[in-house]
Amino acid sequence: MAIPTIYDLLTSNFAISLLQVVVTLLITFLVVRFYRIIIQRAAGSVPSGLVASLQQIGSWAIWILGIIIVLSQLAVAINVLLLILFLGGAAIIVAYRNILTDMAASQFISTYQSFKVGEWIEIQDYYGRVVERNLIQTKILTPDNEIVIVPNSTLLKRSVVNRSRSGGLRVQIPVTVDSKFDLKNVEKILLEIGQELKTDLVPDAPPQVRVTQVSSQQAHFVLMLRITNPAKRDQLISDVQEKFYELLPELDARK
């Protein structure tokens, strides 16, 4: 019986299959490393815990795919394994469906540019400046310096008003006076106060006054302004109301 040569060993079916397995595992290892680097660089301000989860889940998926390829090269039946992997993948999708929805919503927002970081938006009962947006959530800083975190999927389900692009912010400032005062005088002084704020108002948008309710004891007014800087909303409301009630004695004198 002839002794096999080194060439015979290297060109045998076993050697070729072994080489294919080694090459497949090496390529799988490199793809995993590349995937983790890409996720880390693309994460931006995404929470580190979520980044780690995405890296881990993706790495498992790539390794499993590599093992399936190895088994197919070795002519091993993989039907049962594929079924298990399918069920496992379905379970992962169900478990992470909210996160996946938020990520899809983030892509939609980026594509259509409904708002950007730095702009003022209003959604549901929240109003403020967008200070951060990542794949999962959007952070809004309210005029009271409170951080409101809104899931990106919510931004698609609710109406979002972009105050920075709507030609100024509409502000309604309510005041209440005793019904004994002359309504015309109250309206006049409110308009005068509004005119004093013209540097903060949108051009060609003069202040307006509306009487919302009058009873035997009280009269309710609303001074309507359209301001250029939404960040000054609460301060302007406070200034107007303070100025108005300071002038209330003058109204009393002219009643």
Protein backbone atom coordinates (compact mmCIF):
# COMPACT_ATOMS: atom_id res chain seq x y z
CA MET A 1 0.00 0.00 0.00
CA ALA A 2 1.41 3.37 -1.05
CA ILE A 3 2.14 5.88 1.66
CA PRO A 4 0.18 9.14 1.04
CA THR A 5 2.34 12.13 0.30
CA ILE A 6 1.95 15.59 1.82
CA TYR A 7 0.35 16.73 -1.42
CA ASP A 8 -2.20 13.93 -1.18
CA LEU A 9 -3.03 14.96 2.41
CA LEU A 10 -3.38 18.61 1.52
CA THR A 11 -5.62 17.89 -1.45
CA SER A 12 -7.81 15.32 0.27
CA ASN A 13 -11.51 15.98 0.79
CA PHE A 14 -10.98 16.16 4.55
CA ALA A 15 -8.25 18.80 4.22
CA ILE A 16 -10.32 20.87 1.81
CA SER A 17 -13.36 20.69 4.10
CA LEU A 18 -11.23 21.64 7.11
CA LEU A 19 -9.77 24.59 5.22
CA GLN A 20 -13.25 25.75 4.25
CA VAL A 21 -14.36 25.57 7.88
CA VAL A 22 -11.34 27.55 9.10
CA VAL A 23 -11.78 30.21 6.42
CA THR A 24 -15.51 30.50 7.16
CA LEU A 25 -14.90 30.90 10.91
CA LEU A 26 -12.16 33.46 10.26
CA ILE A 27 -14.40 35.49 7.97
CA THR A 28 -17.20 35.27 10.54
CA PHE A 29 -14.87 36.55 13.25
CA LEU A 30 -13.78 39.49 11.10
CA VAL A 31 -17.37 40.35 10.18
CA VAL A 32 -18.34 40.35 13.87
CA ARG A 33 -15.47 42.69 14.72
CA PHE A 34 -16.38 45.00 11.84
CA TYR A 35 -20.06 44.97 12.85
CA ARG A 36 -19.29 45.93 16.45
CA ILE A 37 -17.05 48.80 15.32
CA ILE A 38 -19.71 50.10 12.92
CA ILE A 39 -22.41 49.99 15.62
CA GLN A 40 -20.15 51.79 18.09
CA ARG A 41 -19.32 54.58 15.64
CA ALA A 42 -22.89 54.98 14.39
CA ALA A 43 -24.40 54.99 17.89
CA GLY A 44 -23.78 58.67 18.57
CA SER A 45 -25.79 59.61 21.66
CA VAL A 46 -27.67 56.31 21.87
CA PRO A 47 -27.61 54.97 25.46
CA SER A 48 -24.58 52.74 26.04
CA GLY A 49 -26.75 49.88 27.34
CA LEU A 50 -28.71 49.76 24.10
CA VAL A 51 -25.50 49.90 22.04
CA ALA A 52 -24.12 46.92 23.97
CA SER A 53 -27.36 44.99 23.41
CA LEU A 54 -27.32 45.69 19.67
CA GLN A 55 -23.68 44.62 19.46
CA GLN A 56 -24.35 41.42 21.37
CA ILE A 57 -27.49 40.41 19.46
CA GLY A 58 -25.91 41.21 16.10
CA SER A 59 -22.75 39.30 16.99
CA TRP A 60 -24.78 36.23 17.98
CA ALA A 61 -26.72 36.41 14.72
CA ILE A 62 -23.53 36.61 12.64
CA TRP A 63 -21.89 33.72 14.52
CA ILE A 64 -25.00 31.59 14.14
CA LEU A 65 -25.05 32.30 10.41
CA GLY A 66 -21.38 31.35 10.21
CA ILE A 67 -22.01 28.08 12.07
CA ILE A 68 -24.89 27.25 9.72
CA ILE A 69 -22.58 27.73 6.76
CA VAL A 70 -19.96 25.49 8.40
CA LEU A 71 -22.54 22.76 9.05
CA SER A 72 -23.75 22.95 5.46
CA GLN A 73 -20.15 22.57 4.28
CA LEU A 74 -19.86 19.45 6.42
CA ALA A 75 -23.13 18.10 4.97
CA VAL A 76 -24.84 18.13 8.38
CA ALA A 77 -28.66 18.39 8.42
CA ILE A 78 -29.61 21.86 9.62
CA ASN A 79 -33.40 21.87 9.20
CA VAL A 80 -34.09 21.60 12.94
CA LEU A 81 -31.47 24.24 13.70
CA LEU A 82 -33.03 26.63 11.19
CA LEU A 83 -36.45 26.14 12.79
CA ILE A 84 -35.04 26.89 16.25
CA LEU A 85 -33.28 29.98 14.92
CA PHE A 86 -36.46 31.19 13.23
CA LEU A 87 -38.44 30.87 16.46
CA GLY A 88 -35.66 32.56 18.41
CA GLY A 89 -35.51 35.43 15.93
CA ALA A 90 -39.26 35.89 16.13
CA ALA A 91 -39.03 36.01 19.94
CA ILE A 92 -36.30 38.66 19.77
CA ILE A 93 -38.35 40.80 17.39
CA VAL A 94 -41.37 40.61 19.71
CA ALA A 95 -39.23 41.45 22.75
CA TYR A 96 -37.62 44.45 21.04
CA ARG A 97 -40.60 45.60 18.99
CA ASN A 98 -40.89 48.95 20.83
CA ILE A 99 -37.21 49.71 20.31
CA LEU A 100 -37.44 48.72 16.65
CA THR A 101 -40.48 50.97 16.24
CA ASP A 102 -38.63 53.89 17.83
CA MET A 103 -35.65 53.32 15.53
CA ALA A 104 -37.91 53.26 12.47
CA ALA A 105 -39.58 56.47 13.66
CA SER A 106 -36.16 58.11 14.08
CA GLN A 107 -35.34 57.29 10.47
CA PHE A 108 -38.68 58.75 9.33
CA ILE A 109 -38.04 61.98 11.27
CA SER A 110 -34.54 62.26 9.83
CA THR A 111 -35.84 61.74 6.30
CA TYR A 112 -38.68 64.27 6.41
CA GLN A 113 -37.00 66.74 8.82
CA SER A 114 -40.20 67.58 10.74
CA PHE A 115 -37.98 69.21 13.36
CA LYS A 116 -34.32 69.57 14.24
CA VAL A 117 -32.27 69.94 17.40
CA GLY A 118 -32.60 73.52 18.63
CA GLU A 119 -36.14 74.07 17.34
CA TRP A 120 -39.18 74.58 19.55
CA ILE A 121 -41.94 72.00 19.26
CA GLU A 122 -45.22 71.22 20.97
CA ILE A 123 -46.52 67.67 21.40
CA GLN A 124 -49.44 66.57 23.57
CA ASP A 125 -49.17 68.64 26.77
CA TYR A 126 -45.45 69.30 26.38
CA TYR A 127 -43.76 72.31 24.86
CA GLY A 128 -40.07 73.07 24.66
CA ARG A 129 -36.82 73.16 22.73
CA VAL A 130 -35.38 69.98 21.23
CA VAL A 131 -31.99 69.45 22.88
CA GLU A 132 -31.23 65.89 21.76
CA ARG A 133 -32.52 63.23 19.42
CA ASN A 134 -31.17 59.71 19.01
CA LEU A 135 -32.42 56.43 17.56
CA ILE A 136 -34.74 55.76 20.48
CA GLN A 137 -35.97 59.02 21.99
CA THR A 138 -36.14 62.81 21.73
CA LYS A 139 -35.36 65.11 24.66
CA ILE A 140 -37.23 68.39 25.07
CA LEU A 141 -36.21 71.18 27.44
CA THR A 142 -39.31 73.02 28.68
CA PRO A 143 -39.37 76.72 29.65
CA ASP A 144 -39.34 75.50 33.28
CA ASN A 145 -35.97 73.80 32.63
CA GLU A 146 -37.50 70.34 32.84
CA ILE A 147 -36.26 67.57 30.56
CA VAL A 148 -39.11 65.68 28.87
CA ILE A 149 -38.15 62.41 27.16
CA VAL A 150 -40.48 61.40 24.33
CA PRO A 151 -40.13 58.03 22.52
CA ASN A 152 -39.67 58.58 18.79
CA SER A 153 -42.63 56.33 18.02
CA THR A 154 -44.87 58.73 19.97
CA LEU A 155 -43.81 61.56 17.67
CA LEU A 156 -45.34 59.67 14.74
CA LYS A 157 -48.58 58.86 16.56
CA ARG A 158 -49.20 62.41 17.83
CA SER A 159 -49.46 65.77 16.12
CA VAL A 160 -46.23 67.75 16.44
CA VAL A 161 -46.34 71.54 16.10
CA ASN A 162 -43.03 73.07 15.08
CA ARG A 163 -43.25 76.52 16.63
CA SER A 164 -39.89 77.57 15.20
CA ARG A 165 -41.21 77.21 11.64
CA SER A 166 -44.76 78.47 12.10
CA GLY A 167 -44.02 82.19 11.90
CA GLY A 168 -43.68 82.82 15.60
CA LEU A 169 -45.30 81.44 18.69
CA ARG A 170 -48.87 82.41 19.50
CA VAL A 171 -49.19 83.38 23.15
CA GLN A 172 -52.45 83.98 24.97
CA ILE A 173 -52.16 85.95 28.21
CA PRO A 174 -55.28 85.84 30.39
CA VAL A 175 -56.21 88.62 32.82
CA THR A 176 -59.23 88.97 35.07
CA VAL A 177 -60.69 92.21 36.44
CA ASP A 178 -63.68 93.27 38.44
CA SER A 179 -66.69 93.82 36.17
CA LYS A 180 -67.04 97.37 37.48
CA PHE A 181 -64.16 98.46 35.22
CA ASP A 182 -64.91 99.90 31.80
CA LEU A 183 -64.18 97.15 29.28
CA LYS A 184 -62.87 99.61 26.69
CA ASN A 185 -60.33 100.97 29.16
CA VAL A 186 -59.15 97.47 30.04
CA GLU A 187 -58.78 96.61 26.36
CA LYS A 188 -56.91 99.84 25.68
CA ILE A 189 -54.33 99.35 28.41
CA LEU A 190 -53.75 95.73 27.39
CA LEU A 191 -53.08 96.86 23.82
CA GLU A 192 -50.68 99.52 25.10
CA ILE A 193 -48.76 96.91 27.07
CA GLY A 194 -48.66 94.67 24.01
CA GLN A 195 -47.31 97.52 21.85
CA GLU A 196 -44.48 98.06 24.33
CA LEU A 197 -43.30 94.53 23.51
CA LYS A 198 -43.04 95.16 19.74
CA THR A 199 -39.35 94.22 19.68
CA ASP A 200 -40.37 90.70 20.74
CA LEU A 201 -43.28 90.43 18.32
CA VAL A 202 -43.42 89.09 14.79
CA PRO A 203 -43.57 91.99 12.28
CA ASP A 204 -47.05 92.74 10.93
CA ALA A 205 -48.61 90.80 13.80
CA PRO A 206 -50.06 93.44 16.15
CA PRO A 207 -51.36 92.45 19.58
CA GLN A 208 -55.05 91.68 19.89
CA VAL A 209 -57.44 91.60 22.83
CA ARG A 210 -60.48 89.37 23.23
CA VAL A 211 -63.16 89.39 25.91
CA THR A 212 -63.73 85.74 26.76
CA GLN A 213 -66.30 85.98 29.54
CA VAL A 214 -68.23 88.62 31.46
CA SER A 215 -70.23 87.96 34.61
CA SER A 216 -71.79 90.14 37.28
CA GLN A 217 -68.56 89.98 39.30
CA GLN A 218 -65.69 89.53 36.84
CA ALA A 219 -64.60 90.12 33.27
CA HIS A 220 -62.05 87.85 31.59
CA PHE A 221 -59.72 89.10 28.86
CA VAL A 222 -57.02 87.50 26.73
CA LEU A 223 -54.12 89.43 25.22
CA MET A 224 -52.94 87.58 22.11
CA LEU A 225 -49.37 88.02 20.93
CA ARG A 226 -47.20 86.34 18.32
CA ILE A 227 -43.62 86.35 19.58
CA THR A 228 -40.41 85.65 17.66
CA ASN A 229 -38.53 83.88 20.45
CA PRO A 230 -40.45 80.97 22.02
CA ALA A 231 -37.91 80.83 24.84
CA LYS A 232 -39.29 84.12 26.20
CA ARG A 233 -42.88 82.91 26.37
CA ASP A 234 -43.22 82.45 30.13
CA GLN A 235 -41.21 85.58 30.92
CA LEU A 236 -43.40 87.72 28.66
CA ILE A 237 -46.57 86.31 30.20
CA SER A 238 -45.26 87.17 33.66
CA ASP A 239 -44.16 90.67 32.59
CA VAL A 240 -47.50 91.48 30.95
CA GLN A 241 -49.57 90.32 33.91
CA GLU A 242 -47.31 92.15 36.37
CA LYS A 243 -47.47 95.36 34.34
CA PHE A 244 -51.24 95.12 33.94
CA TYR A 245 -51.99 94.71 37.63
CA GLU A 246 -49.58 97.54 38.44
CA LEU A 247 -51.72 99.79 36.25
CA LEU A 248 -54.97 98.53 37.73
CA PRO A 249 -55.28 101.54 40.10
CA GLU A 250 -55.20 103.84 37.06
CA LEU A 251 -58.05 101.88 35.55
CA ASP A 252 -59.95 102.32 38.76
CA ALA A 253 -59.39 106.07 38.60
CA ARG A 254 -60.73 106.24 35.02
CA LYS A 255 -63.75 103.98 35.49
